[in-house]
Amino acid sequence: MADRLRPLLRWEAGLILLLIGTIVYGNNASQYFLTSGNVFFILLNVGEVAIMALPLTLIVVTGEIDLSVGAILGLSGVVMGELFMHGHGLWWSMAGALAVGAVAGAFNGLLITRLGLPSLAVTIGTLTLYRGIAQGILPTATIQVSKPPYSDIGVIPIRGTQIPWSFAFFAVLAVIFGVVLHATPLGRRIFAIGAGQEAARFAGIRVRRVKFWLYVLSGLLSGFCGILFTLRFSSARYDSGIGLELFVVTIVLLGGVSIFGGRGTIIGVVLAVLVLGCLQTAMTQALISPQEQNIVIGALLILSVVVPNLPGIYGRARLRWRSIMARRHASEAAEA
C-alpha cells in the first residue's frame, strides 16, 4: 500500500493539485479565464521565461545558479536591434544576438569553473555588468525592429491553434531537455555533480567542463529569448527583461529542483511554468496590484525552498534539542 501511495506524494502531484486550484481561482476571478484567447496570452506571457528555466534547471541540479539570464536577454535584444537598425538583415541580427548570449554565458562559466568563484556572486555581478553594457549601447532610445512575418511571432499564434510560437519552442526544448537529463549519460553526470562534486571527479566526470557548457547553453538560450522578446514587442530596449530572473528561479525551484543540487525533474518545471502563468493572469484579472503579485511570487519562492527541506530542518532541530537536554541533564547530575 505504501508503495502505491508514494507516487501520489511526489512533488509533481502537489503541483498538479496547485495547478487545478489556480485554474479554479482564475475561473472564479474572470469568466474569460478559460477562453481560447486568454489561454493564448497565458502561454505567451511565460514563453521566454519558460525557455530560460530549462538550462537553469540543469545548472541548479549541479548545485550552481545563474541570475544573469534576464540581463543577457536584454543585452542580446539590444545587439539585435542595433544590428538591424544599421542595415544588417534580420537573420544576421538574430545571429549576432545568439552570439552575444553564448559569449555572455561563456564568460559566466569561465569565472565560475576556471577561477573557482561562487556562481551566486558571479552572476549577480554579471547581471549588473550586462545590463550596464546594454544601457551604454542604447541609453534611452527604443529601436523599432519590425519585419513581417517574423515580427508577428509574438502576437499571432501558430496557424490553426491558440499556441504562441514561444511556448511551442519551449515545448520542443522541454522534451529534448527531459530526454537529456533523465535518459542519457550526460544527465546522470549532471545529477552526480549535484550529489557530490568531489565524488563525481573521482568517478572520472569532468565537472568543470560540464558546468562551463551548461552556462554557455544558458547564455545561448537567453539570447534566443532576447530575439523572441524583441520580435514580440517589435522593439529593443536596454531594460528589456528586468526582473525576469526572479520568475525564472521561482519556476525552477517551484518545479521541485533542489537549490542544493542533485534533485529535480523537467516535468516538475513544466508544471511550475503552467502554475505561474495561470496564477499571474488570474491575479491580474482579479485586479491584484503588481506589488501584491510580487509578494505572492516571493512567498512561492520561499516555500519552494523551505517545504522540500522540512524533514532535514526537523531532524536538525531534534538533534539540537536532544543536545540541549543532554547538557542540561549532565549539569543537573553534576550539581547533585
C-alpha atoms as a PDB file:
ATOM      1  CA  MET A   1       0.000   0.000   0.000  1.00  0.00           C
ATOM      2  CA  ALA A   2       2.792   2.410   0.889  1.00  0.00           C
ATOM      3  CA  ASP A   3       4.456   1.771  -2.481  1.00  0.00           C
ATOM      4  CA  ARG A   4       1.200   2.577  -4.266  1.00  0.00           C
ATOM      5  CA  LEU A   5       0.700   5.822  -2.355  1.00  0.00           C
ATOM      6  CA  ARG A   6       4.286   7.018  -2.761  1.00  0.00           C
ATOM      7  CA  PRO A   7       3.796   8.400  -6.320  1.00  0.00           C
ATOM      8  CA  LEU A   8       0.844  10.422  -5.050  1.00  0.00           C
ATOM      9  CA  LEU A   9       3.097  12.120  -2.541  1.00  0.00           C
ATOM     10  CA  ARG A  10       5.641  13.263  -5.130  1.00  0.00           C
ATOM     11  CA  TRP A  11       6.247  16.966  -5.600  1.00  0.00           C
ATOM     12  CA  GLU A  12       4.798  16.817  -9.099  1.00  0.00           C
ATOM     13  CA  ALA A  13       1.484  15.517  -7.726  1.00  0.00           C
ATOM     14  CA  GLY A  14       1.313  18.550  -5.472  1.00  0.00           C
ATOM     15  CA  LEU A  15       1.993  20.794  -8.457  1.00  0.00           C
ATOM     16  CA  ILE A  16      -0.882  19.203 -10.366  1.00  0.00           C
ATOM     17  CA  LEU A  17      -3.208  19.960  -7.442  1.00  0.00           C
ATOM     18  CA  LEU A  18      -1.844  23.502  -7.246  1.00  0.00           C
ATOM     19  CA  LEU A  19      -2.415  23.954 -10.982  1.00  0.00           C
ATOM     20  CA  ILE A  20      -6.020  22.755 -10.662  1.00  0.00           C
ATOM     21  CA  GLY A  21      -6.574  25.124  -7.726  1.00  0.00           C
ATOM     22  CA  THR A  22      -5.060  28.007  -9.703  1.00  0.00           C
ATOM     23  CA  ILE A  23      -7.327  27.312 -12.680  1.00  0.00           C
ATOM     24  CA  VAL A  24     -10.388  27.212 -10.398  1.00  0.00           C
ATOM     25  CA  TYR A  25      -9.311  30.511  -8.817  1.00  0.00           C
ATOM     26  CA  GLY A  26      -8.785  32.101 -12.221  1.00  0.00           C
ATOM     27  CA  ASN A  27     -12.143  30.885 -13.498  1.00  0.00           C
ATOM     28  CA  ASN A  28     -13.837  32.427 -10.466  1.00  0.00           C
ATOM     29  CA  ALA A  29     -11.901  35.668 -10.932  1.00  0.00           C
ATOM     30  CA  SER A  30     -12.976  36.101 -14.552  1.00  0.00           C
ATOM     31  CA  GLN A  31     -15.479  34.440 -16.856  1.00  0.00           C
ATOM     32  CA  TYR A  32     -12.959  34.863 -19.676  1.00  0.00           C
ATOM     33  CA  PHE A  33     -10.127  32.965 -17.951  1.00  0.00           C
ATOM     34  CA  LEU A  34     -10.640  29.674 -19.810  1.00  0.00           C
ATOM     35  CA  THR A  35     -11.381  31.213 -23.209  1.00  0.00           C
ATOM     36  CA  SER A  36      -9.028  30.325 -26.050  1.00  0.00           C
ATOM     37  CA  GLY A  37      -7.845  33.920 -26.428  1.00  0.00           C
ATOM     38  CA  ASN A  38      -6.924  34.148 -22.761  1.00  0.00           C
ATOM     39  CA  VAL A  39      -5.111  30.789 -22.863  1.00  0.00           C
ATOM     40  CA  PHE A  40      -3.027  32.195 -25.730  1.00  0.00           C
ATOM     41  CA  PHE A  41      -1.942  35.169 -23.609  1.00  0.00           C
ATOM     42  CA  ILE A  42      -1.238  32.956 -20.580  1.00  0.00           C
ATOM     43  CA  LEU A  43       1.165  30.867 -22.637  1.00  0.00           C
ATOM     44  CA  LEU A  44       2.597  33.908 -24.422  1.00  0.00           C
ATOM     45  CA  ASN A  45       3.456  35.683 -21.161  1.00  0.00           C
ATOM     46  CA  VAL A  46       5.533  32.764 -19.870  1.00  0.00           C
ATOM     47  CA  GLY A  47       7.158  31.710 -23.141  1.00  0.00           C
ATOM     48  CA  GLU A  48      10.566  33.363 -22.758  1.00  0.00           C
ATOM     49  CA  VAL A  49      10.735  32.762 -19.006  1.00  0.00           C
ATOM     50  CA  ALA A  50       9.931  29.085 -19.507  1.00  0.00           C
ATOM     51  CA  ILE A  51      12.691  28.648 -22.104  1.00  0.00           C
ATOM     52  CA  MET A  52      15.294  30.259 -19.820  1.00  0.00           C
ATOM     53  CA  ALA A  53      14.171  27.994 -16.969  1.00  0.00           C
ATOM     54  CA  LEU A  54      15.257  24.848 -18.846  1.00  0.00           C
ATOM     55  CA  PRO A  55      19.046  25.407 -18.874  1.00  0.00           C
ATOM     56  CA  LEU A  56      18.829  26.940 -15.403  1.00  0.00           C
ATOM     57  CA  THR A  57      17.279  23.664 -14.241  1.00  0.00           C
ATOM     58  CA  LEU A  58      20.406  21.780 -15.289  1.00  0.00           C
ATOM     59  CA  ILE A  59      22.636  24.397 -13.656  1.00  0.00           C
ATOM     60  CA  VAL A  60      20.741  24.242 -10.350  1.00  0.00           C
ATOM     61  CA  VAL A  61      20.809  20.428 -10.416  1.00  0.00           C
ATOM     62  CA  THR A  62      24.633  20.723 -10.427  1.00  0.00           C
ATOM     63  CA  GLY A  63      24.411  22.918  -7.325  1.00  0.00           C
ATOM     64  CA  GLU A  64      25.037  26.257  -9.064  1.00  0.00           C
ATOM     65  CA  ILE A  65      22.858  29.246 -10.045  1.00  0.00           C
ATOM     66  CA  ASP A  66      22.602  31.803 -12.867  1.00  0.00           C
ATOM     67  CA  LEU A  67      20.934  35.113 -12.046  1.00  0.00           C
ATOM     68  CA  SER A  68      22.105  36.935 -15.174  1.00  0.00           C
ATOM     69  CA  VAL A  69      19.591  35.395 -17.599  1.00  0.00           C
ATOM     70  CA  GLY A  70      17.319  38.462 -17.732  1.00  0.00           C
ATOM     71  CA  ALA A  71      20.261  40.790 -18.337  1.00  0.00           C
ATOM     72  CA  ILE A  72      21.577  38.548 -21.146  1.00  0.00           C
ATOM     73  CA  LEU A  73      18.095  38.651 -22.701  1.00  0.00           C
ATOM     74  CA  GLY A  74      18.144  42.458 -22.611  1.00  0.00           C
ATOM     75  CA  LEU A  75      21.698  42.740 -23.959  1.00  0.00           C
ATOM     76  CA  SER A  76      21.027  40.289 -26.785  1.00  0.00           C
ATOM     77  CA  GLY A  77      17.887  42.191 -27.762  1.00  0.00           C
ATOM     78  CA  VAL A  78      19.788  45.483 -27.841  1.00  0.00           C
ATOM     79  CA  VAL A  79      22.529  43.994 -30.042  1.00  0.00           C
ATOM     80  CA  MET A  80      19.895  42.580 -32.380  1.00  0.00           C
ATOM     81  CA  GLY A  81      18.166  45.972 -32.570  1.00  0.00           C
ATOM     82  CA  GLU A  82      21.424  47.846 -33.197  1.00  0.00           C
ATOM     83  CA  LEU A  83      22.479  45.496 -35.986  1.00  0.00           C
ATOM     84  CA  PHE A  84      19.040  45.691 -37.597  1.00  0.00           C
ATOM     85  CA  MET A  85      18.999  49.499 -37.356  1.00  0.00           C
ATOM     86  CA  HIS A  86      22.394  49.752 -39.064  1.00  0.00           C
ATOM     87  CA  GLY A  87      21.217  47.885 -42.131  1.00  0.00           C
ATOM     88  CA  HIS A  88      22.091  44.296 -41.347  1.00  0.00           C
ATOM     89  CA  GLY A  89      19.480  41.724 -42.286  1.00  0.00           C
ATOM     90  CA  LEU A  90      17.165  40.302 -39.668  1.00  0.00           C
ATOM     91  CA  TRP A  91      18.817  36.866 -39.790  1.00  0.00           C
ATOM     92  CA  TRP A  92      22.285  38.364 -39.275  1.00  0.00           C
ATOM     93  CA  SER A  93      20.911  40.464 -36.441  1.00  0.00           C
ATOM     94  CA  MET A  94      19.447  37.383 -34.775  1.00  0.00           C
ATOM     95  CA  ALA A  95      22.734  35.524 -35.241  1.00  0.00           C
ATOM     96  CA  GLY A  96      24.509  38.412 -33.510  1.00  0.00           C
ATOM     97  CA  ALA A  97      22.076  38.194 -30.588  1.00  0.00           C
ATOM     98  CA  LEU A  98      22.701  34.458 -30.237  1.00  0.00           C
ATOM     99  CA  ALA A  99      26.469  35.002 -30.370  1.00  0.00           C
ATOM    100  CA  VAL A 100      26.301  37.663 -27.647  1.00  0.00           C
ATOM    101  CA  GLY A 101      24.213  35.358 -25.453  1.00  0.00           C
ATOM    102  CA  ALA A 102      26.666  32.478 -25.877  1.00  0.00           C
ATOM    103  CA  VAL A 103      29.686  34.708 -25.139  1.00  0.00           C
ATOM    104  CA  ALA A 104      27.991  36.143 -22.034  1.00  0.00           C
ATOM    105  CA  GLY A 105      27.239  32.614 -20.813  1.00  0.00           C
ATOM    106  CA  ALA A 106      30.812  31.528 -21.544  1.00  0.00           C
ATOM    107  CA  PHE A 107      32.141  34.469 -19.510  1.00  0.00           C
ATOM    108  CA  ASN A 108      29.997  33.358 -16.566  1.00  0.00           C
ATOM    109  CA  GLY A 109      31.235  29.808 -16.995  1.00  0.00           C
ATOM    110  CA  LEU A 110      34.908  30.798 -17.112  1.00  0.00           C
ATOM    111  CA  LEU A 111      34.673  32.863 -13.930  1.00  0.00           C
ATOM    112  CA  ILE A 112      32.907  30.040 -12.093  1.00  0.00           C
ATOM    113  CA  THR A 113      34.741  26.974 -13.398  1.00  0.00           C
ATOM    114  CA  ARG A 114      38.257  28.300 -14.058  1.00  0.00           C
ATOM    115  CA  LEU A 115      38.639  30.870 -11.295  1.00  0.00           C
ATOM    116  CA  GLY A 116      36.532  28.918  -8.814  1.00  0.00           C
ATOM    117  CA  LEU A 117      34.321  31.902  -7.922  1.00  0.00           C
ATOM    118  CA  PRO A 118      30.870  31.318  -6.376  1.00  0.00           C
ATOM    119  CA  SER A 119      28.149  31.320  -9.005  1.00  0.00           C
ATOM    120  CA  LEU A 120      25.802  33.465  -6.901  1.00  0.00           C
ATOM    121  CA  ALA A 121      28.313  36.319  -6.631  1.00  0.00           C
ATOM    122  CA  VAL A 122      29.469  35.999 -10.237  1.00  0.00           C
ATOM    123  CA  THR A 123      26.028  36.065 -11.824  1.00  0.00           C
ATOM    124  CA  ILE A 124      24.817  38.924  -9.614  1.00  0.00           C
ATOM    125  CA  GLY A 125      27.863  40.838 -10.817  1.00  0.00           C
ATOM    126  CA  THR A 126      27.392  39.968 -14.481  1.00  0.00           C
ATOM    127  CA  LEU A 127      23.689  40.777 -14.203  1.00  0.00           C
ATOM    128  CA  THR A 128      24.703  44.359 -13.431  1.00  0.00           C
ATOM    129  CA  LEU A 129      27.552  44.271 -15.965  1.00  0.00           C
ATOM    130  CA  TYR A 130      25.459  43.074 -18.896  1.00  0.00           C
ATOM    131  CA  ARG A 131      22.640  45.447 -18.061  1.00  0.00           C
ATOM    132  CA  GLY A 132      25.149  48.322 -17.917  1.00  0.00           C
ATOM    133  CA  ILE A 133      26.615  47.363 -21.306  1.00  0.00           C
ATOM    134  CA  ALA A 134      23.117  47.282 -22.811  1.00  0.00           C
ATOM    135  CA  GLN A 135      22.390  50.717 -21.373  1.00  0.00           C
ATOM    136  CA  GLY A 136      25.700  52.007 -22.702  1.00  0.00           C
ATOM    137  CA  ILE A 137      24.826  50.810 -26.203  1.00  0.00           C
ATOM    138  CA  LEU A 138      21.248  52.120 -26.076  1.00  0.00           C
ATOM    139  CA  PRO A 139      20.885  54.640 -23.197  1.00  0.00           C
ATOM    140  CA  THR A 140      17.320  55.897 -23.680  1.00  0.00           C
ATOM    141  CA  ALA A 141      16.022  55.277 -27.191  1.00  0.00           C
ATOM    142  CA  THR A 142      13.840  52.425 -28.359  1.00  0.00           C
ATOM    143  CA  ILE A 143      14.832  50.717 -31.595  1.00  0.00           C
ATOM    144  CA  GLN A 144      11.986  49.533 -33.772  1.00  0.00           C
ATOM    145  CA  VAL A 145      12.526  46.012 -35.082  1.00  0.00           C
ATOM    146  CA  SER A 146       9.694  45.058 -37.392  1.00  0.00           C
ATOM    147  CA  LYS A 147       9.821  42.763 -40.395  1.00  0.00           C
ATOM    148  CA  PRO A 148       6.750  40.659 -41.212  1.00  0.00           C
ATOM    149  CA  PRO A 149       6.127  37.782 -40.912  1.00  0.00           C
ATOM    150  CA  TYR A 150       8.834  37.349 -38.242  1.00  0.00           C
ATOM    151  CA  SER A 151       7.587  40.271 -36.174  1.00  0.00           C
ATOM    152  CA  ASP A 152       4.213  38.519 -35.967  1.00  0.00           C
ATOM    153  CA  ILE A 153       5.724  35.669 -33.925  1.00  0.00           C
ATOM    154  CA  GLY A 154       4.855  37.297 -30.628  1.00  0.00           C
ATOM    155  CA  VAL A 155       1.329  38.408 -31.454  1.00  0.00           C
ATOM    156  CA  ILE A 156      -0.109  35.707 -33.718  1.00  0.00           C
ATOM    157  CA  PRO A 157      -0.484  32.042 -32.652  1.00  0.00           C
ATOM    158  CA  ILE A 158       0.587  29.081 -34.729  1.00  0.00           C
ATOM    159  CA  ARG A 159      -1.900  28.675 -37.553  1.00  0.00           C
ATOM    160  CA  GLY A 160      -4.907  26.611 -36.553  1.00  0.00           C
ATOM    161  CA  THR A 161      -4.107  26.721 -32.833  1.00  0.00           C
ATOM    162  CA  GLN A 162      -4.062  29.110 -29.876  1.00  0.00           C
ATOM    163  CA  ILE A 163      -0.443  28.252 -29.043  1.00  0.00           C
ATOM    164  CA  PRO A 164       2.124  31.074 -29.290  1.00  0.00           C
ATOM    165  CA  TRP A 165       5.402  30.380 -31.063  1.00  0.00           C
ATOM    166  CA  SER A 166       7.489  30.989 -27.948  1.00  0.00           C
ATOM    167  CA  PHE A 167       5.602  28.343 -25.973  1.00  0.00           C
ATOM    168  CA  ALA A 168       5.855  25.899 -28.885  1.00  0.00           C
ATOM    169  CA  PHE A 169       9.636  26.375 -28.835  1.00  0.00           C
ATOM    170  CA  PHE A 170       9.551  25.751 -25.081  1.00  0.00           C
ATOM    171  CA  ALA A 171       7.533  22.541 -25.513  1.00  0.00           C
ATOM    172  CA  VAL A 172      10.023  21.145 -28.033  1.00  0.00           C
ATOM    173  CA  LEU A 173      13.005  22.141 -25.898  1.00  0.00           C
ATOM    174  CA  ALA A 174      11.369  20.686 -22.770  1.00  0.00           C
ATOM    175  CA  VAL A 175      11.132  17.278 -24.460  1.00  0.00           C
ATOM    176  CA  ILE A 176      14.795  17.496 -25.506  1.00  0.00           C
ATOM    177  CA  PHE A 177      15.946  18.607 -22.053  1.00  0.00           C
ATOM    178  CA  GLY A 178      13.821  15.934 -20.400  1.00  0.00           C
ATOM    179  CA  VAL A 179      15.399  13.179 -22.502  1.00  0.00           C
ATOM    180  CA  VAL A 180      18.916  14.536 -21.922  1.00  0.00           C
ATOM    181  CA  LEU A 181      18.513  14.950 -18.168  1.00  0.00           C
ATOM    182  CA  HIS A 182      16.655  11.721 -17.418  1.00  0.00           C
ATOM    183  CA  ALA A 183      17.735   9.259 -20.105  1.00  0.00           C
ATOM    184  CA  THR A 184      21.347   9.955 -21.122  1.00  0.00           C
ATOM    185  CA  PRO A 185      24.835   9.585 -19.593  1.00  0.00           C
ATOM    186  CA  LEU A 186      25.148  13.385 -19.579  1.00  0.00           C
ATOM    187  CA  GLY A 187      22.053  13.648 -17.411  1.00  0.00           C
ATOM    188  CA  ARG A 188      23.479  11.117 -14.980  1.00  0.00           C
ATOM    189  CA  ARG A 189      26.697  13.143 -14.840  1.00  0.00           C
ATOM    190  CA  ILE A 190      24.728  16.295 -14.060  1.00  0.00           C
ATOM    191  CA  PHE A 191      22.922  14.588 -11.188  1.00  0.00           C
ATOM    192  CA  ALA A 192      26.191  13.108  -9.943  1.00  0.00           C
ATOM    193  CA  ILE A 193      27.821  16.549  -9.867  1.00  0.00           C
ATOM    194  CA  GLY A 194      24.929  17.927  -7.833  1.00  0.00           C
ATOM    195  CA  ALA A 195      25.051  14.987  -5.417  1.00  0.00           C
ATOM    196  CA  GLY A 196      28.760  15.500  -4.728  1.00  0.00           C
ATOM    197  CA  GLN A 197      31.368  17.245  -6.849  1.00  0.00           C
ATOM    198  CA  GLU A 198      34.378  15.532  -5.303  1.00  0.00           C
ATOM    199  CA  ALA A 199      32.839  12.098  -5.745  1.00  0.00           C
ATOM    200  CA  ALA A 200      31.955  13.000  -9.343  1.00  0.00           C
ATOM    201  CA  ARG A 201      35.578  13.979 -10.023  1.00  0.00           C
ATOM    202  CA  PHE A 202      36.849  10.706  -8.582  1.00  0.00           C
ATOM    203  CA  ALA A 203      34.354   8.913 -10.818  1.00  0.00           C
ATOM    204  CA  GLY A 204      36.013  10.492 -13.860  1.00  0.00           C
ATOM    205  CA  ILE A 205      33.391  13.151 -14.600  1.00  0.00           C
ATOM    206  CA  ARG A 206      34.844  16.384 -15.979  1.00  0.00           C
ATOM    207  CA  VAL A 207      32.936  18.621 -13.618  1.00  0.00           C
ATOM    208  CA  ARG A 208      34.316  21.959 -14.785  1.00  0.00           C
ATOM    209  CA  ARG A 209      33.736  21.172 -18.456  1.00  0.00           C
ATOM    210  CA  VAL A 210      30.121  20.111 -17.875  1.00  0.00           C
ATOM    211  CA  LYS A 211      29.381  23.232 -15.827  1.00  0.00           C
ATOM    212  CA  PHE A 212      31.066  25.523 -18.352  1.00  0.00           C
ATOM    213  CA  TRP A 213      28.975  24.259 -21.256  1.00  0.00           C
ATOM    214  CA  LEU A 214      25.801  24.470 -19.199  1.00  0.00           C
ATOM    215  CA  TYR A 215      26.480  28.181 -18.697  1.00  0.00           C
ATOM    216  CA  VAL A 216      27.148  28.598 -22.409  1.00  0.00           C
ATOM    217  CA  LEU A 217      23.826  26.858 -23.114  1.00  0.00           C
ATOM    218  CA  SER A 218      22.065  29.131 -20.618  1.00  0.00           C
ATOM    219  CA  GLY A 219      23.503  32.216 -22.296  1.00  0.00           C
ATOM    220  CA  LEU A 220      22.644  30.925 -25.776  1.00  0.00           C
ATOM    221  CA  LEU A 221      19.003  30.267 -24.891  1.00  0.00           C
ATOM    222  CA  SER A 222      18.782  33.599 -23.048  1.00  0.00           C
ATOM    223  CA  GLY A 223      19.984  35.210 -26.279  1.00  0.00           C
ATOM    224  CA  PHE A 224      17.308  33.261 -28.161  1.00  0.00           C
ATOM    225  CA  CYS A 225      14.744  34.613 -25.691  1.00  0.00           C
ATOM    226  CA  GLY A 226      16.106  38.109 -26.364  1.00  0.00           C
ATOM    227  CA  ILE A 227      15.220  37.549 -30.028  1.00  0.00           C
ATOM    228  CA  LEU A 228      11.709  36.355 -29.177  1.00  0.00           C
ATOM    229  CA  PHE A 229      11.209  39.240 -26.745  1.00  0.00           C
ATOM    230  CA  THR A 230      12.331  41.769 -29.363  1.00  0.00           C
ATOM    231  CA  LEU A 231      10.088  40.287 -32.040  1.00  0.00           C
ATOM    232  CA  ARG A 232       7.132  40.149 -29.637  1.00  0.00           C
ATOM    233  CA  PHE A 233       7.298  43.883 -28.879  1.00  0.00           C
ATOM    234  CA  SER A 234       8.769  44.853 -32.294  1.00  0.00           C
ATOM    235  CA  SER A 235      11.369  46.902 -30.419  1.00  0.00           C
ATOM    236  CA  ALA A 236      14.555  46.675 -28.379  1.00  0.00           C
ATOM    237  CA  ARG A 237      15.285  48.479 -25.104  1.00  0.00           C
ATOM    238  CA  TYR A 238      18.150  48.152 -22.639  1.00  0.00           C
ATOM    239  CA  ASP A 239      15.733  47.427 -19.773  1.00  0.00           C
ATOM    240  CA  SER A 240      14.015  44.510 -21.506  1.00  0.00           C
ATOM    241  CA  GLY A 241      13.770  41.525 -19.199  1.00  0.00           C
ATOM    242  CA  ILE A 242      14.352  43.389 -15.938  1.00  0.00           C
ATOM    243  CA  GLY A 243      13.161  41.222 -13.046  1.00  0.00           C
ATOM    244  CA  LEU A 244      12.633  38.099 -15.156  1.00  0.00           C
ATOM    245  CA  GLU A 245      15.387  36.268 -13.273  1.00  0.00           C
ATOM    246  CA  LEU A 246      13.082  36.201 -10.208  1.00  0.00           C
ATOM    247  CA  PHE A 247      10.396  34.389 -12.199  1.00  0.00           C
ATOM    248  CA  VAL A 248      12.892  32.008 -13.802  1.00  0.00           C
ATOM    249  CA  VAL A 249      14.359  30.985 -10.433  1.00  0.00           C
ATOM    250  CA  THR A 250      10.851  30.672  -8.963  1.00  0.00           C
ATOM    251  CA  ILE A 251       9.805  28.323 -11.764  1.00  0.00           C
ATOM    252  CA  VAL A 252      12.868  26.123 -11.296  1.00  0.00           C
ATOM    253  CA  LEU A 253      12.537  25.844  -7.515  1.00  0.00           C
ATOM    254  CA  LEU A 254       8.740  25.561  -7.592  1.00  0.00           C
ATOM    255  CA  GLY A 255       9.256  22.734 -10.072  1.00  0.00           C
ATOM    256  CA  GLY A 256      10.941  20.726  -7.329  1.00  0.00           C
ATOM    257  CA  VAL A 257      14.587  21.276  -8.286  1.00  0.00           C
ATOM    258  CA  SER A 258      16.653  21.298  -5.095  1.00  0.00           C
ATOM    259  CA  ILE A 259      18.596  24.520  -4.503  1.00  0.00           C
ATOM    260  CA  PHE A 260      21.340  22.293  -3.045  1.00  0.00           C
ATOM    261  CA  GLY A 261      21.630  20.291  -6.268  1.00  0.00           C
ATOM    262  CA  GLY A 262      21.259  16.629  -7.141  1.00  0.00           C
ATOM    263  CA  ARG A 263      17.468  16.504  -7.483  1.00  0.00           C
ATOM    264  CA  GLY A 264      14.821  17.713  -9.924  1.00  0.00           C
ATOM    265  CA  THR A 265      12.702  16.831 -12.953  1.00  0.00           C
ATOM    266  CA  ILE A 266      11.813  18.594 -16.184  1.00  0.00           C
ATOM    267  CA  ILE A 267       8.136  17.628 -15.819  1.00  0.00           C
ATOM    268  CA  GLY A 268       8.096  19.461 -12.496  1.00  0.00           C
ATOM    269  CA  VAL A 269       9.476  22.576 -14.196  1.00  0.00           C
ATOM    270  CA  VAL A 270       6.838  22.339 -16.958  1.00  0.00           C
ATOM    271  CA  LEU A 271       4.076  22.134 -14.331  1.00  0.00           C
ATOM    272  CA  ALA A 272       5.583  25.103 -12.475  1.00  0.00           C
ATOM    273  CA  VAL A 273       5.523  27.128 -15.714  1.00  0.00           C
ATOM    274  CA  LEU A 274       1.802  26.445 -16.110  1.00  0.00           C
ATOM    275  CA  VAL A 275       1.087  27.220 -12.439  1.00  0.00           C
ATOM    276  CA  LEU A 276       2.936  30.539 -12.552  1.00  0.00           C
ATOM    277  CA  GLY A 277       1.411  31.541 -15.893  1.00  0.00           C
ATOM    278  CA  CYS A 278      -2.144  30.800 -14.746  1.00  0.00           C
ATOM    279  CA  LEU A 279      -1.571  32.438 -11.356  1.00  0.00           C
ATOM    280  CA  GLN A 280      -0.197  35.675 -12.821  1.00  0.00           C
ATOM    281  CA  THR A 281      -3.065  36.018 -15.281  1.00  0.00           C
ATOM    282  CA  ALA A 282      -5.670  35.135 -12.641  1.00  0.00           C
ATOM    283  CA  MET A 283      -4.313  37.735 -10.215  1.00  0.00           C
ATOM    284  CA  THR A 284      -4.245  40.371 -12.955  1.00  0.00           C
ATOM    285  CA  GLN A 285      -7.846  39.649 -13.899  1.00  0.00           C
ATOM    286  CA  ALA A 286      -8.767  39.778 -10.189  1.00  0.00           C
ATOM    287  CA  LEU A 287      -7.315  43.345 -10.193  1.00  0.00           C
ATOM    288  CA  ILE A 288      -4.496  42.462  -7.776  1.00  0.00           C
ATOM    289  CA  SER A 289      -1.755  45.080  -7.982  1.00  0.00           C
ATOM    290  CA  PRO A 290       1.725  44.195  -9.329  1.00  0.00           C
ATOM    291  CA  GLN A 291       3.206  44.854  -5.877  1.00  0.00           C
ATOM    292  CA  GLU A 292       0.874  42.316  -4.270  1.00  0.00           C
ATOM    293  CA  GLN A 293       1.601  39.864  -7.068  1.00  0.00           C
ATOM    294  CA  ASN A 294       5.315  40.147  -6.272  1.00  0.00           C
ATOM    295  CA  ILE A 295       4.516  39.270  -2.655  1.00  0.00           C
ATOM    296  CA  VAL A 296       2.785  36.081  -3.823  1.00  0.00           C
ATOM    297  CA  ILE A 297       5.666  35.177  -6.161  1.00  0.00           C
ATOM    298  CA  GLY A 298       8.198  35.814  -3.393  1.00  0.00           C
ATOM    299  CA  ALA A 299       6.191  33.648  -0.978  1.00  0.00           C
ATOM    300  CA  LEU A 300       6.102  30.828  -3.553  1.00  0.00           C
ATOM    301  CA  LEU A 301       9.869  31.103  -3.948  1.00  0.00           C
ATOM    302  CA  ILE A 302      10.462  30.826  -0.202  1.00  0.00           C
ATOM    303  CA  LEU A 303       8.021  27.921   0.167  1.00  0.00           C
ATOM    304  CA  SER A 304       9.715  26.145  -2.733  1.00  0.00           C
ATOM    305  CA  VAL A 305      12.976  26.201  -0.781  1.00  0.00           C
ATOM    306  CA  VAL A 306      11.580  25.521   2.697  1.00  0.00           C
ATOM    307  CA  VAL A 307       8.984  22.785   2.112  1.00  0.00           C
ATOM    308  CA  PRO A 308      11.241  20.181   0.420  1.00  0.00           C
ATOM    309  CA  ASN A 309      13.799  20.635   3.203  1.00  0.00           C
ATOM    310  CA  LEU A 310      11.379  20.382   6.140  1.00  0.00           C
ATOM    311  CA  PRO A 311      12.470  16.815   7.032  1.00  0.00           C
ATOM    312  CA  GLY A 312      16.083  17.929   7.256  1.00  0.00           C
ATOM    313  CA  ILE A 313      15.163  21.044   9.220  1.00  0.00           C
ATOM    314  CA  TYR A 314      13.065  18.947  11.603  1.00  0.00           C
ATOM    315  CA  GLY A 315      15.860  16.422  12.017  1.00  0.00           C
ATOM    316  CA  ARG A 316      18.438  19.087  12.813  1.00  0.00           C
ATOM    317  CA  ALA A 317      16.046  20.723  15.273  1.00  0.00           C
ATOM    318  CA  ARG A 318      15.527  17.366  17.056  1.00  0.00           C
ATOM    319  CA  LEU A 319      19.274  16.771  17.302  1.00  0.00           C
ATOM    320  CA  ARG A 320      19.814  20.278  18.668  1.00  0.00           C
ATOM    321  CA  TRP A 321      17.030  19.824  21.219  1.00  0.00           C
ATOM    322  CA  ARG A 322      18.449  16.473  22.331  1.00  0.00           C
ATOM    323  CA  SER A 323      21.882  18.041  22.703  1.00  0.00           C
ATOM    324  CA  ILE A 324      20.468  20.855  24.825  1.00  0.00           C
ATOM    325  CA  MET A 325      18.561  18.424  27.014  1.00  0.00           C
ATOM    326  CA  ALA A 326      21.609  16.161  27.408  1.00  0.00           C
ATOM    327  CA  ARG A 327      23.746  19.086  28.550  1.00  0.00           C
ATOM    328  CA  ARG A 328      21.029  20.151  30.978  1.00  0.00           C
ATOM    329  CA  HIS A 329      20.769  16.656  32.485  1.00  0.00           C
ATOM    330  CA  ALA A 330      24.550  16.436  32.746  1.00  0.00           C
ATOM    331  CA  SER A 331      24.659  19.778  34.536  1.00  0.00           C
ATOM    332  CA  GLU A 332      21.917  18.747  36.948  1.00  0.00           C
ATOM    333  CA  ALA A 333      23.690  15.440  37.681  1.00  0.00           C
ATOM    334  CA  ALA A 334      26.933  17.267  38.368  1.00  0.00           C
ATOM    335  CA  GLU A 335      25.233  19.674  40.812  1.00  0.00           C
ATOM    336  CA  ALA A 336      23.593  16.744  42.640  1.00  0.00           C
END
